[in-house]
Amino acid sequence: MTPPNPEPKPTRRTMPLRHKLMLALACEILLVGFRQVDLTPRQTGILIEAPAMPHHVIT
């Protein structure tokens, strides 16, 4: 009798090029976003201008 054929090892699937590009783009967007946060500080709150006429009231 002949020995049974051993099962071939499963080959590793490589990531497609378009998935690699999407991953690189996502990382780039995150890095650029984190850099821009420090460049434009934002103050919280609402700016209300005082009325020019003294008898006008902001409610």
Protein backbone atom coordinates (compact mmCIF):
# COMPACT_ATOMS: atom_id res chain seq x y z
CA MET A 1 0.00 0.00 0.00
CA THR A 2 1.10 3.49 -0.69
CA PRO A 3 0.98 6.08 2.08
CA PRO A 4 -1.71 8.71 1.70
CA ASN A 5 -0.65 12.01 0.21
CA PRO A 6 -0.02 14.59 2.92
CA GLU A 7 -2.26 17.63 2.81
CA PRO A 8 -0.48 20.62 1.31
CA LYS A 9 0.10 23.49 3.70
CA PRO A 10 -2.36 26.31 3.16
CA THR A 11 -0.72 29.27 1.50
CA ARG A 12 -0.84 32.61 3.22
CA ARG A 13 -3.05 35.08 1.48
CA THR A 14 -1.43 38.42 0.84
CA MET A 15 -3.27 41.68 1.30
CA PRO A 16 -4.41 43.10 -2.05
CA LEU A 17 -2.71 46.27 -3.22
CA ARG A 18 -5.89 48.34 -3.04
CA HIS A 19 -6.34 47.37 0.63
CA LYS A 20 -2.77 48.41 1.35
CA LEU A 21 -3.39 51.75 -0.35
CA MET A 22 -6.61 52.31 1.63
CA LEU A 23 -4.79 51.52 4.88
CA ALA A 24 -1.98 53.93 4.01
CA LEU A 25 -4.51 56.64 3.13
CA ALA A 26 -6.39 56.16 6.41
CA CYS A 27 -3.13 56.49 8.38
CA GLU A 28 -2.21 59.62 6.45
CA ILE A 29 -5.61 61.20 7.16
CA LEU A 30 -5.21 60.48 10.88
CA LEU A 31 -1.70 61.93 11.00
CA VAL A 32 -2.66 65.09 9.11
CA GLY A 33 -5.71 65.50 11.33
CA PHE A 34 -3.64 65.29 14.50
CA ARG A 35 -1.17 67.83 13.13
CA GLN A 36 -3.91 70.32 12.23
CA VAL A 37 -5.46 70.19 15.69
CA ASP A 38 -2.54 72.09 17.19
CA LEU A 39 -2.42 74.67 14.39
CA THR A 40 -5.96 75.99 14.83
CA PRO A 41 -6.93 76.25 18.51
CA ARG A 42 -10.63 76.85 18.97
CA GLN A 43 -12.32 78.67 21.79
CA THR A 44 -15.53 77.21 23.07
CA GLY A 45 -18.58 79.36 23.58
CA ILE A 46 -20.83 81.67 21.63
CA LEU A 47 -19.80 85.16 20.60
CA ILE A 48 -22.54 87.75 21.12
CA GLU A 49 -21.93 91.32 20.09
CA ALA A 50 -23.26 94.10 22.28
CA PRO A 51 -26.12 96.05 20.70
CA ALA A 52 -25.31 99.49 19.28
CA MET A 53 -28.51 101.01 20.65
CA PRO A 54 -28.68 101.11 24.47
CA HIS A 55 -32.43 100.33 24.59
CA HIS A 56 -32.09 97.12 22.53
CA VAL A 57 -31.88 94.04 24.72
CA ILE A 58 -30.44 90.60 23.95
CA THR A 59 -32.60 87.90 25.46
